[in-house]
C-alpha cells in the first residue's frame, strides 16, 4: 500500500507556494502527467484544483486579498490559467473533454468570472480590469471560441454557445455595459463592441 501511494505521488506534478495570512489550497489529481501550480500571496486566498485524466495543466496565481479560484478539469490535455490581482476576485473554471483551454486574468476589485466548457478543442479567454465586472462563459461542443475583454466598472457579459465552430468576441470599455450572446448551431460568429 505504501508503494502504491508513493507511486501516485511521483506520478503527479505538484507545485504550491504561499505567503502569510489565511491562504488555503486543495489539490486532487488522478491520472498521469498532470500539473498543478498554485502561488498565493496576500490575505485569505483560496484555490481548489481537481484534475482527472492525463496531461492536464492548471495554473493559479493570486495576489491581493480575499481572492478565490476553483479549477475542475476532467479529460486529457486541458489547460486552465487563472491570474488574479486586487481585491475580492473570484474565478471558477470547469472543463470536461479534451484539449480545452481557459484563461482568466482579472485585475481590480470585486471581479467575477465563470467559465464552463464541455467537449473538445474549446477556448475561452476572459480579461477584466476595473471594478464590479462579471463574465459568464458557457460552451458546449467542439472548436468553440469565446473572448471577453472588459475594462471599466459594472460591466456584465454572458456568453453561451452550443454546437461546433462558434465564435464570440466581446469588448466592453467604460461603465455599466451589458452584453448577452447566445448561439446554437455550427459556424456562428458574434462580435460585440461597446464603449
C-alpha atoms as a PDB file:
ATOM      1  CA  UNK A   1       0.000   0.000   0.000  1.00  0.00           C
ATOM      2  CA  UNK A   2       2.830   2.375   0.823  1.00  0.00           C
ATOM      3  CA  UNK A   3       4.466   1.639  -2.519  1.00  0.00           C
ATOM      4  CA  UNK A   4       1.233   2.399  -4.393  1.00  0.00           C
ATOM      5  CA  UNK A   5       0.814   5.671  -2.514  1.00  0.00           C
ATOM      6  CA  UNK A   6       4.400   6.659  -3.229  1.00  0.00           C
ATOM      7  CA  UNK A   7       3.961   5.811  -6.909  1.00  0.00           C
ATOM      8  CA  UNK A   8       0.842   8.003  -7.044  1.00  0.00           C
ATOM      9  CA  UNK A   9       2.744  10.922  -5.552  1.00  0.00           C
ATOM     10  CA  UNK A  10       5.558  10.505  -8.046  1.00  0.00           C
ATOM     11  CA  UNK A  11       3.090  10.373 -10.945  1.00  0.00           C
ATOM     12  CA  UNK A  12       1.682  13.774 -10.002  1.00  0.00           C
ATOM     13  CA  UNK A  13       3.494  17.027 -10.502  1.00  0.00           C
ATOM     14  CA  UNK A  14       2.570  19.496  -7.818  1.00  0.00           C
ATOM     15  CA  UNK A  15       3.936  22.937  -7.025  1.00  0.00           C
ATOM     16  CA  UNK A  16       2.474  25.204  -4.359  1.00  0.00           C
ATOM     17  CA  UNK A  17       3.675  28.378  -2.745  1.00  0.00           C
ATOM     18  CA  UNK A  18       2.012  30.730  -0.297  1.00  0.00           C
ATOM     19  CA  UNK A  19       2.769  33.866   1.640  1.00  0.00           C
ATOM     20  CA  UNK A  20       1.383  34.758   5.047  1.00  0.00           C
ATOM     21  CA  UNK A  21      -2.225  35.055   6.224  1.00  0.00           C
ATOM     22  CA  UNK A  22      -5.018  32.552   5.697  1.00  0.00           C
ATOM     23  CA  UNK A  23      -4.162  31.036   2.321  1.00  0.00           C
ATOM     24  CA  UNK A  24      -5.676  27.632   1.567  1.00  0.00           C
ATOM     25  CA  UNK A  25      -5.041  25.301  -1.371  1.00  0.00           C
ATOM     26  CA  UNK A  26      -6.624  21.905  -2.055  1.00  0.00           C
ATOM     27  CA  UNK A  27      -5.267  19.893  -4.972  1.00  0.00           C
ATOM     28  CA  UNK A  28      -6.505  16.474  -6.064  1.00  0.00           C
ATOM     29  CA  UNK A  29      -5.101  14.868  -9.191  1.00  0.00           C
ATOM     30  CA  UNK A  30      -5.839  11.443 -10.636  1.00  0.00           C
ATOM     31  CA  UNK A  31      -4.182  10.221 -13.802  1.00  0.00           C
ATOM     32  CA  UNK A  32      -0.805  10.714 -15.408  1.00  0.00           C
ATOM     33  CA  UNK A  33       1.433  13.697 -16.093  1.00  0.00           C
ATOM     34  CA  UNK A  34      -0.950  16.289 -14.674  1.00  0.00           C
ATOM     35  CA  UNK A  35       0.468  19.616 -13.492  1.00  0.00           C
ATOM     36  CA  UNK A  36      -0.968  21.935 -10.850  1.00  0.00           C
ATOM     37  CA  UNK A  37       0.865  25.122  -9.903  1.00  0.00           C
ATOM     38  CA  UNK A  38      -0.593  27.398  -7.232  1.00  0.00           C
ATOM     39  CA  UNK A  39       1.044  30.595  -5.981  1.00  0.00           C
ATOM     40  CA  UNK A  40      -0.820  32.689  -3.442  1.00  0.00           C
ATOM     41  CA  UNK A  41       0.325  35.893  -1.798  1.00  0.00           C
ATOM     42  CA  UNK A  42      -1.719  38.144   0.424  1.00  0.00           C
ATOM     43  CA  UNK A  43      -4.811  37.539   2.536  1.00  0.00           C
ATOM     44  CA  UNK A  44      -7.368  34.756   2.770  1.00  0.00           C
ATOM     45  CA  UNK A  45      -6.819  33.377  -0.749  1.00  0.00           C
ATOM     46  CA  UNK A  46      -8.426  30.030  -1.562  1.00  0.00           C
ATOM     47  CA  UNK A  47      -7.588  27.803  -4.540  1.00  0.00           C
ATOM     48  CA  UNK A  48      -9.003  24.335  -5.251  1.00  0.00           C
ATOM     49  CA  UNK A  49      -7.778  22.258  -8.191  1.00  0.00           C
ATOM     50  CA  UNK A  50      -9.270  18.915  -9.178  1.00  0.00           C
ATOM     51  CA  UNK A  51      -7.922  17.141 -12.240  1.00  0.00           C
ATOM     52  CA  UNK A  52      -8.783  13.745 -13.651  1.00  0.00           C
ATOM     53  CA  UNK A  53      -7.196  12.357 -16.791  1.00  0.00           C
ATOM     54  CA  UNK A  54      -3.826  12.796 -18.393  1.00  0.00           C
ATOM     55  CA  UNK A  55      -1.590  15.760 -19.237  1.00  0.00           C
ATOM     56  CA  UNK A  56      -3.876  18.424 -17.800  1.00  0.00           C
ATOM     57  CA  UNK A  57      -2.394  21.734 -16.640  1.00  0.00           C
ATOM     58  CA  UNK A  58      -3.887  24.048 -14.018  1.00  0.00           C
ATOM     59  CA  UNK A  59      -2.198  27.324 -13.076  1.00  0.00           C
ATOM     60  CA  UNK A  60      -3.453  29.653 -10.348  1.00  0.00           C
ATOM     61  CA  UNK A  61      -1.632  32.857  -9.373  1.00  0.00           C
ATOM     62  CA  UNK A  62      -3.398  35.039  -6.823  1.00  0.00           C
ATOM     63  CA  UNK A  63      -2.137  38.238  -5.223  1.00  0.00           C
ATOM     64  CA  UNK A  64      -4.075  40.585  -3.010  1.00  0.00           C
ATOM     65  CA  UNK A  65      -6.868  39.811  -0.573  1.00  0.00           C
ATOM     66  CA  UNK A  66      -9.908  37.533  -0.458  1.00  0.00           C
ATOM     67  CA  UNK A  67      -9.340  36.020  -3.921  1.00  0.00           C
ATOM     68  CA  UNK A  68     -10.834  32.619  -4.727  1.00  0.00           C
ATOM     69  CA  UNK A  69     -10.264  30.314  -7.701  1.00  0.00           C
ATOM     70  CA  UNK A  70     -11.702  26.871  -8.445  1.00  0.00           C
ATOM     71  CA  UNK A  71     -10.470  24.736 -11.347  1.00  0.00           C
ATOM     72  CA  UNK A  72     -12.040  21.372 -12.183  1.00  0.00           C
ATOM     73  CA  UNK A  73     -10.802  19.520 -15.247  1.00  0.00           C
ATOM     74  CA  UNK A  74     -11.668  16.059 -16.493  1.00  0.00           C
ATOM     75  CA  UNK A  75     -10.293  14.586 -19.686  1.00  0.00           C
ATOM     76  CA  UNK A  76      -6.942  14.931 -21.365  1.00  0.00           C
ATOM     77  CA  UNK A  77      -4.662  17.823 -22.270  1.00  0.00           C
ATOM     78  CA  UNK A  78      -6.898  20.530 -20.841  1.00  0.00           C
ATOM     79  CA  UNK A  79      -5.323  23.845 -19.845  1.00  0.00           C
ATOM     80  CA  UNK A  80      -6.562  26.394 -17.313  1.00  0.00           C
ATOM     81  CA  UNK A  81      -4.775  29.556 -16.241  1.00  0.00           C
ATOM     82  CA  UNK A  82      -6.212  31.928 -13.633  1.00  0.00           C
ATOM     83  CA  UNK A  83      -4.285  35.021 -12.553  1.00  0.00           C
ATOM     84  CA  UNK A  84      -5.970  37.408 -10.133  1.00  0.00           C
ATOM     85  CA  UNK A  85      -4.633  40.628  -8.645  1.00  0.00           C
ATOM     86  CA  UNK A  86      -6.572  43.015  -6.467  1.00  0.00           C
ATOM     87  CA  UNK A  87      -9.435  42.508  -4.044  1.00  0.00           C
ATOM     88  CA  UNK A  88     -12.362  40.113  -3.785  1.00  0.00           C
ATOM     89  CA  UNK A  89     -11.828  38.482  -7.202  1.00  0.00           C
ATOM     90  CA  UNK A  90     -13.485  35.134  -7.883  1.00  0.00           C
ATOM     91  CA  UNK A  91     -12.957  32.725 -10.772  1.00  0.00           C
ATOM     92  CA  UNK A  92     -14.490  29.319 -11.451  1.00  0.00           C
ATOM     93  CA  UNK A  93     -13.272  27.120 -14.327  1.00  0.00           C
ATOM     94  CA  UNK A  94     -14.906  23.795 -15.169  1.00  0.00           C
ATOM     95  CA  UNK A  95     -13.747  21.860 -18.214  1.00  0.00           C
ATOM     96  CA  UNK A  96     -14.645  18.377 -19.389  1.00  0.00           C
ATOM     97  CA  UNK A  97     -13.384  16.781 -22.573  1.00  0.00           C
ATOM     98  CA  UNK A  98     -10.068  17.026 -24.349  1.00  0.00           C
ATOM     99  CA  UNK A  99      -7.756  19.841 -25.444  1.00  0.00           C
ATOM    100  CA  UNK A 100      -9.836  22.658 -23.949  1.00  0.00           C
ATOM    101  CA  UNK A 101      -8.247  25.933 -22.859  1.00  0.00           C
ATOM    102  CA  UNK A 102      -9.454  28.555 -20.388  1.00  0.00           C
ATOM    103  CA  UNK A 103      -7.600  31.730 -19.478  1.00  0.00           C
ATOM    104  CA  UNK A 104      -8.867  34.197 -16.874  1.00  0.00           C
ATOM    105  CA  UNK A 105      -6.943  37.366 -15.977  1.00  0.00           C
ATOM    106  CA  UNK A 106      -8.602  39.741 -13.513  1.00  0.00           C
ATOM    107  CA  UNK A 107      -7.237  42.954 -12.048  1.00  0.00           C
ATOM    108  CA  UNK A 108      -9.099  45.376  -9.820  1.00  0.00           C
ATOM    109  CA  UNK A 109     -11.852  44.949  -7.251  1.00  0.00           C
ATOM    110  CA  UNK A 110     -14.856  42.642  -6.976  1.00  0.00           C
ATOM    111  CA  UNK A 111     -14.445  40.980 -10.398  1.00  0.00           C
ATOM    112  CA  UNK A 112     -16.091  37.621 -11.012  1.00  0.00           C
ATOM    113  CA  UNK A 113     -15.611  35.169 -13.884  1.00  0.00           C
ATOM    114  CA  UNK A 114     -17.235  31.810 -14.547  1.00  0.00           C
ATOM    115  CA  UNK A 115     -16.116  29.540 -17.385  1.00  0.00           C
ATOM    116  CA  UNK A 116     -17.683  26.169 -18.156  1.00  0.00           C
ATOM    117  CA  UNK A 117     -16.690  24.143 -21.198  1.00  0.00           C
ATOM    118  CA  UNK A 118     -17.611  20.651 -22.318  1.00  0.00           C
ATOM    119  CA  UNK A 119     -16.408  18.987 -25.492  1.00  0.00           C
ATOM    120  CA  UNK A 120     -13.108  19.172 -27.325  1.00  0.00           C
ATOM    121  CA  UNK A 121     -10.834  21.993 -28.511  1.00  0.00           C
ATOM    122  CA  UNK A 122     -12.891  24.773 -26.949  1.00  0.00           C
ATOM    123  CA  UNK A 123     -11.176  28.002 -25.921  1.00  0.00           C
ATOM    124  CA  UNK A 124     -12.297  30.740 -23.551  1.00  0.00           C
ATOM    125  CA  UNK A 125     -10.398  33.880 -22.615  1.00  0.00           C
ATOM    126  CA  UNK A 126     -11.589  36.446 -20.072  1.00  0.00           C
ATOM    127  CA  UNK A 127      -9.710  39.635 -19.176  1.00  0.00           C
ATOM    128  CA  UNK A 128     -11.263  42.052 -16.716  1.00  0.00           C
ATOM    129  CA  UNK A 129      -9.777  45.303 -15.460  1.00  0.00           C
ATOM    130  CA  UNK A 130     -11.679  47.622 -13.150  1.00  0.00           C
ATOM    131  CA  UNK A 131     -14.385  47.207 -10.540  1.00  0.00           C
ATOM    132  CA  UNK A 132     -17.527  45.073 -10.247  1.00  0.00           C
ATOM    133  CA  UNK A 133     -17.240  43.329 -13.629  1.00  0.00           C
ATOM    134  CA  UNK A 134     -18.873  39.971 -14.296  1.00  0.00           C
ATOM    135  CA  UNK A 135     -18.229  37.497 -17.105  1.00  0.00           C
ATOM    136  CA  UNK A 136     -20.004  34.173 -17.571  1.00  0.00           C
ATOM    137  CA  UNK A 137     -18.957  31.871 -20.435  1.00  0.00           C
ATOM    138  CA  UNK A 138     -20.618  28.527 -21.184  1.00  0.00           C
ATOM    139  CA  UNK A 139     -19.580  26.464 -24.189  1.00  0.00           C
ATOM    140  CA  UNK A 140     -20.700  23.016 -25.242  1.00  0.00           C
ATOM    141  CA  UNK A 141     -19.473  21.260 -28.364  1.00  0.00           C
ATOM    142  CA  UNK A 142     -16.201  21.348 -30.252  1.00  0.00           C
ATOM    143  CA  UNK A 143     -13.890  24.087 -31.544  1.00  0.00           C
ATOM    144  CA  UNK A 144     -15.804  26.967 -29.963  1.00  0.00           C
ATOM    145  CA  UNK A 145     -14.068  30.245 -29.115  1.00  0.00           C
ATOM    146  CA  UNK A 146     -15.140  32.962 -26.660  1.00  0.00           C
ATOM    147  CA  UNK A 147     -13.143  36.079 -25.835  1.00  0.00           C
ATOM    148  CA  UNK A 148     -14.327  38.627 -23.261  1.00  0.00           C
ATOM    149  CA  UNK A 149     -12.325  41.791 -22.608  1.00  0.00           C
ATOM    150  CA  UNK A 150     -13.801  44.265 -20.118  1.00  0.00           C
ATOM    151  CA  UNK A 151     -12.294  47.408 -18.648  1.00  0.00           C
ATOM    152  CA  UNK A 152     -14.191  49.853 -16.501  1.00  0.00           C
ATOM    153  CA  UNK A 153     -16.832  49.259 -13.879  1.00  0.00           C
ATOM    154  CA  UNK A 154     -20.130  47.397 -13.637  1.00  0.00           C
ATOM    155  CA  UNK A 155     -19.796  45.633 -16.990  1.00  0.00           C
ATOM    156  CA  UNK A 156     -21.608  42.319 -17.459  1.00  0.00           C
ATOM    157  CA  UNK A 157     -21.115  39.728 -20.194  1.00  0.00           C
ATOM    158  CA  UNK A 158     -22.950  36.459 -20.745  1.00  0.00           C
ATOM    159  CA  UNK A 159     -21.812  34.114 -23.500  1.00  0.00           C
ATOM    160  CA  UNK A 160     -23.459  30.771 -24.164  1.00  0.00           C
ATOM    161  CA  UNK A 161     -22.564  28.681 -27.202  1.00  0.00           C
ATOM    162  CA  UNK A 162     -23.698  25.197 -28.112  1.00  0.00           C
ATOM    163  CA  UNK A 163     -22.550  23.414 -31.243  1.00  0.00           C
ATOM    164  CA  UNK A 164     -19.300  23.471 -33.169  1.00  0.00           C
ATOM    165  CA  UNK A 165     -17.011  26.166 -34.601  1.00  0.00           C
ATOM    166  CA  UNK A 166     -18.846  29.073 -32.969  1.00  0.00           C
ATOM    167  CA  UNK A 167     -17.072  32.311 -32.064  1.00  0.00           C
ATOM    168  CA  UNK A 168     -17.995  35.177 -29.747  1.00  0.00           C
ATOM    169  CA  UNK A 169     -15.855  38.267 -29.182  1.00  0.00           C
ATOM    170  CA  UNK A 170     -16.980  40.841 -26.621  1.00  0.00           C
ATOM    171  CA  UNK A 171     -15.122  44.081 -25.903  1.00  0.00           C
ATOM    172  CA  UNK A 172     -16.553  46.484 -23.337  1.00  0.00           C
ATOM    173  CA  UNK A 173     -14.798  49.633 -22.161  1.00  0.00           C
ATOM    174  CA  UNK A 174     -16.466  52.097 -19.875  1.00  0.00           C
ATOM    175  CA  UNK A 175     -19.135  51.578 -17.273  1.00  0.00           C
ATOM    176  CA  UNK A 176     -22.448  49.741 -16.907  1.00  0.00           C
ATOM    177  CA  UNK A 177     -22.391  47.898 -20.233  1.00  0.00           C
ATOM    178  CA  UNK A 178     -24.336  44.674 -20.759  1.00  0.00           C
ATOM    179  CA  UNK A 179     -23.615  42.094 -23.453  1.00  0.00           C
ATOM    180  CA  UNK A 180     -25.515  38.832 -23.955  1.00  0.00           C
ATOM    181  CA  UNK A 181     -24.546  36.368 -26.672  1.00  0.00           C
ATOM    182  CA  UNK A 182     -26.468  33.141 -27.168  1.00  0.00           C
ATOM    183  CA  UNK A 183     -25.547  30.961 -30.148  1.00  0.00           C
ATOM    184  CA  UNK A 184     -26.776  27.494 -31.004  1.00  0.00           C
ATOM    185  CA  UNK A 185     -25.700  25.547 -34.046  1.00  0.00           C
ATOM    186  CA  UNK A 186     -22.486  25.475 -36.037  1.00  0.00           C
ATOM    187  CA  UNK A 187     -20.267  28.163 -37.502  1.00  0.00           C
ATOM    188  CA  UNK A 188     -21.911  31.152 -35.846  1.00  0.00           C
ATOM    189  CA  UNK A 189     -19.962  34.374 -35.208  1.00  0.00           C
ATOM    190  CA  UNK A 190     -20.791  37.301 -32.928  1.00  0.00           C
ATOM    191  CA  UNK A 191     -18.819  40.491 -32.347  1.00  0.00           C
ATOM    192  CA  UNK A 192     -19.866  42.958 -29.634  1.00  0.00           C
ATOM    193  CA  UNK A 193     -18.026  46.225 -29.009  1.00  0.00           C
ATOM    194  CA  UNK A 194     -19.343  48.764 -26.508  1.00  0.00           C
ATOM    195  CA  UNK A 195     -17.843  51.943 -25.054  1.00  0.00           C
END
